[in-house]
Protein backbone atom coordinates (compact mmCIF):
# COMPACT_ATOMS: atom_id res chain seq x y z
CA MET A 1 0.11 0.01 0.03
CA LYS A 2 1.27 3.42 -0.88
CA TYR A 3 0.55 5.05 2.49
CA LEU A 4 2.65 2.37 4.18
CA LYS A 5 5.70 2.84 2.03
CA TYR A 6 5.69 6.56 2.56
CA MET A 7 5.13 6.13 6.33
CA LEU A 8 8.12 3.69 6.67
CA ALA A 9 10.35 5.96 4.52
CA ALA A 10 9.49 9.01 6.62
CA VAL A 11 10.04 7.16 9.95
CA ALA A 12 13.25 5.73 8.62
CA VAL A 13 14.56 9.26 7.80
CA ILE A 14 13.62 10.50 11.30
CA PHE A 15 15.20 7.54 12.93
CA ALA A 16 18.41 8.06 11.00
CA SER A 17 18.53 11.67 11.95
CA HIS A 18 18.78 10.63 15.68
CA GLY A 19 21.14 7.88 14.99
CA HIS A 20 24.26 9.59 16.16
CA ALA A 21 22.72 11.13 19.30
CA GLN A 22 24.02 8.57 21.78
CA GLU A 23 23.46 10.36 25.01
CA ASP A 24 20.38 9.81 27.14
CA GLN A 25 19.15 6.90 24.97
CA TYR A 26 16.63 4.21 26.09
CA THR A 27 15.87 1.05 24.05
CA ASP A 28 13.30 -1.59 24.86
CA PHE A 29 12.10 -4.56 22.91
CA LYS A 30 9.43 -6.99 23.98
CA ALA A 31 7.20 -9.54 22.24
CA GLU A 32 4.21 -11.67 22.90
CA VAL A 33 3.33 -15.00 21.29
CA ASN A 34 -0.04 -16.63 21.87
CA ALA A 35 -1.77 -19.80 20.71
CA ASP A 36 -5.63 -19.75 20.52
CA TYR A 37 -8.09 -22.56 20.37
CA ARG A 38 -11.59 -21.50 19.52
CA VAL A 39 -14.44 -24.04 19.62
CA PHE A 40 -17.97 -23.27 18.49
CA PHE A 41 -20.84 -25.28 20.09
CA ASN A 42 -22.93 -25.64 16.96
CA GLU A 43 -22.37 -26.54 13.41
CA GLY A 44 -22.09 -23.61 11.13
CA LEU A 45 -25.13 -22.03 9.43
CA TYR A 46 -23.25 -21.67 6.04
CA ASP A 47 -21.13 -23.94 3.97
CA GLU A 48 -17.43 -24.73 4.75
CA GLN A 49 -17.62 -23.37 8.32
CA ARG A 50 -15.95 -25.55 10.96
CA GLN A 51 -16.34 -25.95 14.70
CA HIS A 52 -12.81 -25.94 15.77
CA TYR A 53 -10.18 -23.35 14.91
CA LEU A 54 -6.58 -22.94 15.99
CA SER A 55 -4.52 -19.92 15.41
CA ILE A 56 -1.11 -18.50 16.51
CA ALA A 57 -0.50 -14.68 17.00
CA PHE A 58 2.67 -12.64 17.41
CA LYS A 59 2.87 -9.13 18.85
CA PRO A 60 6.40 -7.44 18.74
CA GLU A 61 7.02 -4.08 20.35
CA PHE A 62 10.05 -1.78 20.02
CA VAL A 63 10.62 1.67 21.78
CA GLN A 64 13.65 3.93 21.21
CA GLU A 65 13.99 7.21 23.08
CA TRP A 66 16.49 9.94 22.88
CA GLN A 67 17.34 13.00 24.94
CA LYS A 68 15.56 11.75 28.00
CA GLY A 69 12.30 11.05 26.08
CA ARG A 70 12.16 14.30 24.15
CA TYR A 71 12.35 12.18 20.92
CA SER A 72 11.04 8.64 20.64
CA LEU A 73 10.15 6.02 18.03
CA LYS A 74 7.58 3.32 18.72
CA PHE A 75 6.74 0.17 16.81
CA THR A 76 3.99 -2.34 17.57
CA GLY A 77 3.21 -5.15 15.13
CA PHE A 78 0.61 -7.74 15.01
CA GLY A 79 0.26 -11.00 12.90
CA ARG A 80 -2.07 -14.04 13.13
CA ILE A 81 -2.03 -17.27 11.23
CA ASP A 82 -5.44 -19.10 11.36
CA GLN A 83 -5.96 -22.74 10.66
CA TYR A 84 -9.00 -22.33 8.26
CA ASP A 85 -10.05 -18.60 7.76
CA LYS A 86 -7.73 -16.95 5.22
CA ARG A 87 -9.20 -13.53 6.10
CA ARG A 88 -8.22 -14.07 9.80
CA THR A 89 -4.74 -14.80 8.72
CA HIS A 90 -3.49 -11.15 8.60
CA PHE A 91 -0.69 -8.85 9.54
CA ASP A 92 -0.80 -5.27 10.69
CA ILE A 93 1.32 -2.45 11.90
CA ARG A 94 -0.62 -1.37 14.91
CA GLU A 95 1.80 1.55 15.70
CA LEU A 96 4.86 2.99 14.04
CA TYR A 97 5.44 6.61 14.84
CA TRP A 98 8.01 9.25 15.74
CA GLN A 99 7.21 11.58 18.53
CA MET A 100 8.59 14.88 19.82
CA VAL A 101 7.87 16.42 23.16
CA ALA A 102 8.42 20.13 23.49
CA GLY A 103 7.16 21.68 26.74
CA ASN A 104 3.55 21.18 27.03
CA SER A 105 3.22 20.04 23.38
CA GLU A 106 3.55 16.72 21.59
CA LEU A 107 3.85 15.93 17.92
CA SER A 108 3.51 12.46 16.48
CA VAL A 109 3.92 11.38 12.74
CA GLY A 110 3.22 7.85 11.68
CA ILE A 111 0.78 5.05 12.32
CA LYS A 112 -0.83 5.22 15.79
CA LYS A 113 -3.70 3.86 18.01
CA ILE A 114 -5.92 6.39 19.80
CA PHE A 115 -8.68 5.44 22.25
CA TRP A 116 -11.64 7.59 23.36
CA GLY A 117 -14.38 6.56 25.71
CA VAL A 118 -15.40 5.46 29.16
CA THR A 119 -18.16 2.93 29.01
CA GLU A 120 -17.96 -0.84 29.06
CA SER A 121 -20.43 -2.17 26.60
CA ALA A 122 -19.95 0.16 23.65
CA HIS A 123 -17.36 2.96 22.65
CA LEU A 124 -19.43 5.28 20.60
CA VAL A 125 -17.01 8.27 20.57
CA ASP A 126 -14.06 6.05 19.72
CA ILE A 127 -13.70 6.76 15.99
CA ILE A 128 -10.10 7.41 15.08
CA ASN A 129 -9.07 3.72 14.34
CA GLN A 130 -10.74 1.23 12.26
CA THR A 131 -12.05 -1.97 13.91
CA ASP A 132 -10.20 -5.24 13.33
CA VAL A 133 -13.37 -7.23 12.77
CA VAL A 134 -11.76 -10.62 12.24
CA GLU A 135 -9.74 -10.31 15.50
CA SER A 136 -12.48 -9.73 17.94
CA PHE A 137 -16.28 -9.68 18.01
CA ASP A 138 -16.69 -7.02 20.59
CA GLY A 139 -14.78 -4.46 18.54
CA GLU A 140 -11.94 -3.94 21.10
CA GLU A 141 -9.23 -4.61 18.58
CA LYS A 142 -8.27 -1.84 16.32
CA LEU A 143 -6.08 -1.45 13.16
CA GLY A 144 -3.23 1.09 12.95
CA GLN A 145 -4.24 4.49 11.58
CA PRO A 146 -1.79 6.82 9.63
CA MET A 147 -1.92 10.28 11.13
CA VAL A 148 -0.29 13.37 12.21
CA HIS A 149 -1.25 14.00 15.81
CA TYR A 150 -0.63 17.22 17.75
CA SER A 151 -1.43 17.52 21.51
CA HIS A 152 -1.20 20.64 23.64
CA LEU A 153 -1.73 20.73 27.43
CA THR A 154 -3.05 23.96 28.88
CA GLN A 155 -4.39 25.03 32.35
CA ILE A 156 -7.85 24.44 31.21
CA GLY A 157 -7.44 21.07 29.56
CA THR A 158 -5.66 19.24 26.69
CA PHE A 159 -6.37 19.93 22.96
CA ASP A 160 -5.73 17.19 20.37
CA PHE A 161 -5.78 17.63 16.62
CA PHE A 162 -5.49 14.94 14.00
CA LEU A 163 -4.79 14.85 10.26
CA MET A 164 -5.52 11.41 8.68
CA PRO A 165 -4.49 10.99 5.02
CA TYR A 166 -5.63 7.36 4.50
CA PHE A 167 -8.77 5.35 5.24
CA ARG A 168 -8.56 1.71 6.18
CA THR A 169 -11.56 -0.49 5.20
CA GLN A 170 -12.78 -3.30 7.51
CA VAL A 171 -11.81 -6.92 6.66
CA PHE A 172 -14.52 -9.43 7.49
CA PRO A 173 -14.40 -13.24 7.96
CA GLY A 174 -13.90 -15.38 4.94
CA ARG A 175 -15.92 -18.33 3.64
CA LYS A 176 -14.54 -20.81 6.24
CA GLY A 177 -14.76 -18.32 9.04
CA ARG A 178 -17.43 -17.95 11.74
CA LEU A 179 -19.24 -14.94 13.00
CA ARG A 180 -20.00 -14.00 9.41
CA THR A 181 -22.96 -13.14 7.28
CA PRO A 182 -24.39 -15.65 4.61
CA PHE A 183 -22.75 -13.40 1.99
CA ILE A 184 -18.95 -12.88 1.98
CA LEU A 185 -18.26 -9.18 2.69
CA ASP A 186 -15.25 -7.72 1.07
CA GLY A 187 -14.43 -4.30 2.50
CA GLY A 188 -12.26 -3.50 -0.52
CA ASN A 189 -15.41 -3.62 -2.76
CA PHE A 190 -17.57 -1.37 -0.65
CA GLU A 191 -18.55 1.87 -2.26
CA PHE A 192 -17.26 5.30 -1.06
CA GLU A 193 -19.36 8.43 -0.94
CA SER A 194 -16.10 10.55 -1.55
CA THR A 195 -14.57 10.38 -5.06
CA ALA A 196 -11.18 10.36 -3.32
CA GLU A 197 -12.22 6.99 -1.65
CA GLU A 198 -9.63 5.88 0.90
CA TYR A 199 -7.34 8.73 0.16
CA ARG A 200 -9.69 11.48 1.44
CA MET A 201 -8.13 13.48 4.20
CA ASP A 202 -9.94 13.06 7.52
CA VAL A 203 -9.63 15.58 10.34
CA ALA A 204 -10.61 15.37 14.04
CA ALA A 205 -10.21 17.43 17.25
CA ARG A 206 -10.79 16.68 20.94
CA TYR A 207 -10.82 18.68 24.08
CA SER A 208 -10.44 16.82 27.47
CA THR A 209 -10.23 18.05 30.95
CA TYR A 210 -11.07 17.21 34.55
CA PHE A 211 -12.80 19.09 37.40
CA GLY A 212 -13.86 17.91 40.75
CA PRO A 213 -15.01 14.32 40.25
CA PHE A 214 -15.52 14.61 36.52
CA ASP A 215 -13.54 13.69 33.50
CA LEU A 216 -14.87 15.30 30.31
CA GLY A 217 -14.03 14.84 26.57
CA ILE A 218 -15.57 16.62 23.71
CA SER A 219 -14.62 15.56 20.15
CA HIS A 220 -15.53 16.25 16.58
CA PHE A 221 -14.72 14.06 13.42
CA PHE A 222 -15.04 15.05 9.80
CA GLY A 223 -14.24 12.37 7.29
CA THR A 224 -15.08 8.88 6.10
CA GLY A 225 -17.00 7.02 8.79
CA ARG A 226 -15.30 3.87 10.06
CA ASP A 227 -18.55 2.01 10.03
CA PRO A 228 -20.35 1.39 6.58
CA ILE A 229 -23.74 2.86 6.29
CA ILE A 230 -26.49 0.22 5.69
CA SER A 231 -29.76 1.52 4.23
CA ASP A 232 -31.42 -1.79 3.68
CA LEU A 233 -30.79 -5.14 5.38
CA GLU A 234 -32.23 -7.14 2.45
CA THR A 235 -30.17 -5.79 -0.34
CA PHE A 236 -27.23 -4.98 2.01
CA GLU A 237 -25.41 -2.35 -0.18
CA PRO A 238 -22.89 -0.77 2.35
CA ILE A 239 -21.23 2.50 1.62
CA TYR A 240 -18.47 4.39 3.52
CA GLY A 241 -20.05 7.83 3.89
CA VAL A 242 -18.50 11.17 4.71
CA ILE A 243 -19.71 12.07 8.10
CA HIS A 244 -19.65 14.81 10.80
CA GLN A 245 -19.69 13.18 14.20
CA THR A 246 -19.65 15.21 17.40
CA GLY A 247 -19.20 13.19 20.52
CA ILE A 248 -19.05 13.66 24.43
CA ASP A 249 -17.75 11.25 27.09
CA LEU A 250 -18.09 11.97 30.80
CA GLN A 251 -17.06 10.00 33.85
CA ALA A 252 -17.73 10.95 37.44
CA THR A 253 -15.93 9.30 40.31
CA THR A 254 -17.77 9.35 43.63
CA GLY A 255 -15.98 7.03 46.08
CA PRO A 256 -16.63 3.41 44.91
CA MET A 257 -19.09 4.51 42.28
CA LEU A 258 -18.25 5.42 38.65
CA TRP A 259 -20.92 7.19 36.61
CA LYS A 260 -20.33 6.85 32.97
CA PHE A 261 -21.83 8.50 29.73
CA GLU A 262 -21.16 8.69 26.05
CA ALA A 263 -23.16 10.19 23.21
CA ILE A 264 -22.70 10.89 19.68
CA SER A 265 -24.53 12.83 16.89
CA ARG A 266 -23.60 11.73 13.34
CA ARG A 267 -24.62 13.58 10.25
CA ASN A 268 -24.54 12.26 6.64
CA ASP A 269 -26.62 12.92 3.51
CA LEU A 270 -27.57 9.25 3.41
CA GLN A 271 -28.23 8.61 7.06
CA ASP A 272 -28.20 10.73 10.23
CA MET A 273 -28.05 9.08 13.64
CA MET A 274 -27.85 9.69 17.47
CA ALA A 275 -26.66 7.15 19.92
CA ALA A 276 -25.93 7.11 23.74
CA VAL A 277 -24.71 4.94 26.43
CA ALA A 278 -25.25 5.76 30.14
CA GLY A 279 -24.47 3.68 33.28
CA PHE A 280 -22.46 2.99 36.29
CA GLU A 281 -19.94 0.68 37.97
CA TYR A 282 -19.93 0.25 41.74
CA THR A 283 -17.06 -1.65 43.40
CA PHE A 284 -17.34 -3.52 46.65
CA GLY A 285 -13.76 -3.69 47.85
CA ASN A 286 -12.14 -6.48 49.91
CA VAL A 287 -15.39 -8.48 50.13
CA GLY A 288 -15.48 -10.48 53.38
CA ASN A 289 -11.71 -9.68 53.97
CA SER A 290 -11.02 -11.98 51.04
CA GLY A 291 -8.99 -9.39 49.15
CA ILE A 292 -11.50 -9.79 46.31
CA ASP A 293 -13.00 -6.69 44.71
CA ILE A 294 -16.36 -7.12 43.14
CA GLY A 295 -17.74 -4.64 40.65
CA VAL A 296 -21.23 -4.39 39.42
CA LEU A 297 -21.94 -2.72 36.08
CA GLY A 298 -25.17 -1.57 34.39
CA GLU A 299 -25.61 0.44 31.23
CA TYR A 300 -28.35 1.40 28.89
CA LEU A 301 -27.64 1.71 25.23
CA TYR A 302 -29.64 3.63 22.53
CA ASP A 303 -29.28 3.95 18.77
CA ASP A 304 -31.97 5.59 16.73
CA ARG A 305 -31.09 3.56 13.54
CA GLY A 306 -33.03 0.69 14.91
CA GLN A 307 -32.60 -2.50 12.85
CA LEU A 308 -29.96 -0.71 10.62
CA ALA A 309 -27.58 -0.56 13.63
CA ILE A 310 -25.18 -3.34 12.80
CA SER A 311 -24.08 -3.53 16.41
CA SER A 312 -27.70 -4.53 17.43
CA LEU A 313 -27.40 -2.10 20.34
CA GLN A 314 -30.51 0.04 19.57
CA LYS A 315 -32.46 -0.21 22.80
CA ASP A 316 -30.56 -2.54 25.14
CA LEU A 317 -29.59 -3.03 28.76
CA PHE A 318 -26.09 -4.30 29.70
CA VAL A 319 -25.53 -5.78 33.16
CA GLY A 320 -22.33 -7.40 34.28
CA SER A 321 -19.91 -7.98 37.18
CA ARG A 322 -16.07 -7.56 37.38
CA LEU A 323 -14.06 -9.66 39.80
CA ALA A 324 -10.47 -8.65 40.70
CA PHE A 325 -8.69 -11.13 43.03
CA ASN A 326 -5.79 -8.79 43.66
CA ASP A 327 -3.36 -11.83 43.85
CA ILE A 328 0.12 -12.21 42.52
CA GLN A 329 -1.29 -14.01 39.50
CA ASP A 330 -3.51 -10.96 38.59
CA THR A 331 -6.60 -13.10 38.37
CA GLN A 332 -9.70 -11.33 36.80
CA PHE A 333 -13.09 -12.18 35.61
CA LEU A 334 -15.77 -10.16 33.70
CA PHE A 335 -19.20 -11.48 33.21
CA GLY A 336 -21.86 -9.71 31.24
CA GLY A 337 -25.13 -9.81 29.37
CA ILE A 338 -26.88 -7.55 26.88
CA PHE A 339 -30.65 -7.69 26.89
CA ASP A 340 -32.61 -6.17 23.99
CA LEU A 341 -35.63 -4.32 25.36
CA GLU A 342 -37.47 -4.41 22.01
CA TYR A 343 -36.78 -7.82 20.39
CA ASP A 344 -35.77 -9.88 23.51
CA THR A 345 -32.39 -10.80 22.01
CA LYS A 346 -29.82 -11.77 24.65
CA ILE A 347 -26.00 -11.96 24.24
CA PHE A 348 -23.86 -13.24 27.20
CA SER A 349 -20.16 -12.80 27.54
CA VAL A 350 -17.36 -14.12 29.85
CA GLU A 351 -13.78 -12.82 29.94
CA SER A 352 -11.07 -14.15 32.30
CA SER A 353 -7.32 -13.99 32.61
CA ARG A 354 -4.65 -15.29 34.93
CA ARG A 355 -0.86 -15.06 34.96
CA PHE A 356 1.38 -18.06 35.47
CA GLY A 357 4.88 -17.65 36.55
CA GLN A 358 6.60 -14.52 35.36
CA SER A 359 5.91 -14.61 31.67
CA TRP A 360 2.78 -16.74 30.84
CA THR A 361 -0.87 -15.93 30.85
CA VAL A 362 -4.08 -17.84 30.14
CA ASP A 363 -7.23 -16.10 28.91
CA VAL A 364 -10.61 -17.51 28.45
CA GLU A 365 -13.39 -15.82 26.44
CA ALA A 366 -16.94 -16.93 25.74
CA ARG A 367 -19.89 -15.43 23.63
CA ILE A 368 -23.37 -17.02 23.90
CA PHE A 369 -26.25 -15.88 21.67
CA GLY A 370 -29.47 -16.39 23.37
CA GLU A 371 -32.90 -15.75 21.88
CA VAL A 372 -31.76 -13.83 18.95
CA SER A 373 -34.59 -12.06 17.02
CA GLU A 374 -34.60 -12.38 13.20
CA GLU A 375 -35.19 -8.67 13.21
CA GLU A 376 -31.70 -7.96 14.27
CA PHE A 377 -28.31 -8.12 12.37
CA VAL A 378 -26.81 -10.61 14.83
CA TYR A 379 -29.48 -13.09 13.72
CA LEU A 380 -27.14 -13.82 10.77
CA PHE A 381 -24.71 -15.53 13.09
CA ARG A 382 -27.14 -16.75 15.80
CA ASP A 383 -25.50 -20.24 16.07
CA ASP A 384 -22.01 -19.01 16.60
CA ASP A 385 -21.71 -19.55 20.42
CA PHE A 386 -18.09 -20.22 21.13
CA VAL A 387 -15.46 -20.55 23.91
CA GLN A 388 -11.73 -19.47 23.19
CA LEU A 389 -8.66 -20.49 25.12
CA SER A 390 -5.59 -18.36 24.65
CA VAL A 391 -2.10 -19.20 26.14
CA SER A 392 0.42 -16.29 25.94
CA LYS A 393 4.15 -16.14 26.43
CA PHE A 394 5.86 -12.82 26.99
CA PHE A 395 9.47 -12.16 26.12
């Protein structure tokens, strides 16, 4: 891809320019290798789907700093080889950027990951990076985004500005993959509203601050929307539209209680939308002197697109619980369920992790689709209940 060639060349030049500055250098390299086994409880709805999938992933990370951190170069890679799904066999540069810190300002150039948001069940305001659809069902994994990022800290808050010269389309599961639609989606063949297609320049800005118990973020994005616009679920003709999206995220900390809120307003000639998530997380610390913290979560999700919301989170309630054992193995559990208040659809999830020794971790993830209504998008993979076991080694 052209953007990648240019980004690598620019970063190489910047790296070489600091190559002779030996004083006050810091170098760090680490990597993670993990093996995943994913088993689906039911046979696939569509031809060539399997029930058992093995894959291996590799995540290298390199950091180089000069002049006590004033200049730095960061690289984070990712690659996965999947047993059956060719689309899930993929490689990506999550981050590769040069950064300069000068006083209260930071300038980053390259490929980067940016996260916005405070809620647990959905991240409405998080729009900078494209979702890595084949990597995770919940949208937590993101692709690297080419950008120029300038950040300035003031007494009244932090101002962030972004220029993004290249858009990355979503990659969807292949014919042998699970959690897919009956038709094979190819993000490269989606239509673009802009004649510049993926080379349209996107811009974004965000203001963040805190006061008293509140953490506040206000953002605006103008460019190609990361989610394709669907105007009809029967013909399913997706298009990447040019959107204006204004978002707000707010969190209030009052003792053991966290109050969370996110909302967006998105405008486009083809489809306007408004969506919001509001909820709380209350933590019971050291329950029964056991050292275990138990968190209780509840969130309400609203999306005025109704059935056309691919996430199927249009009028839903999320309830869950987080357990932190606070032990040397860092044992954690997160249980949750999303209950549709209109169509009675239910989706349950479990995530857990535990460290073994100094450099091994075991993670377990499960997704269960309950009474899925045929009125919702997730009905297309209603039989894809699965459990995934991941064993990771850190170097």
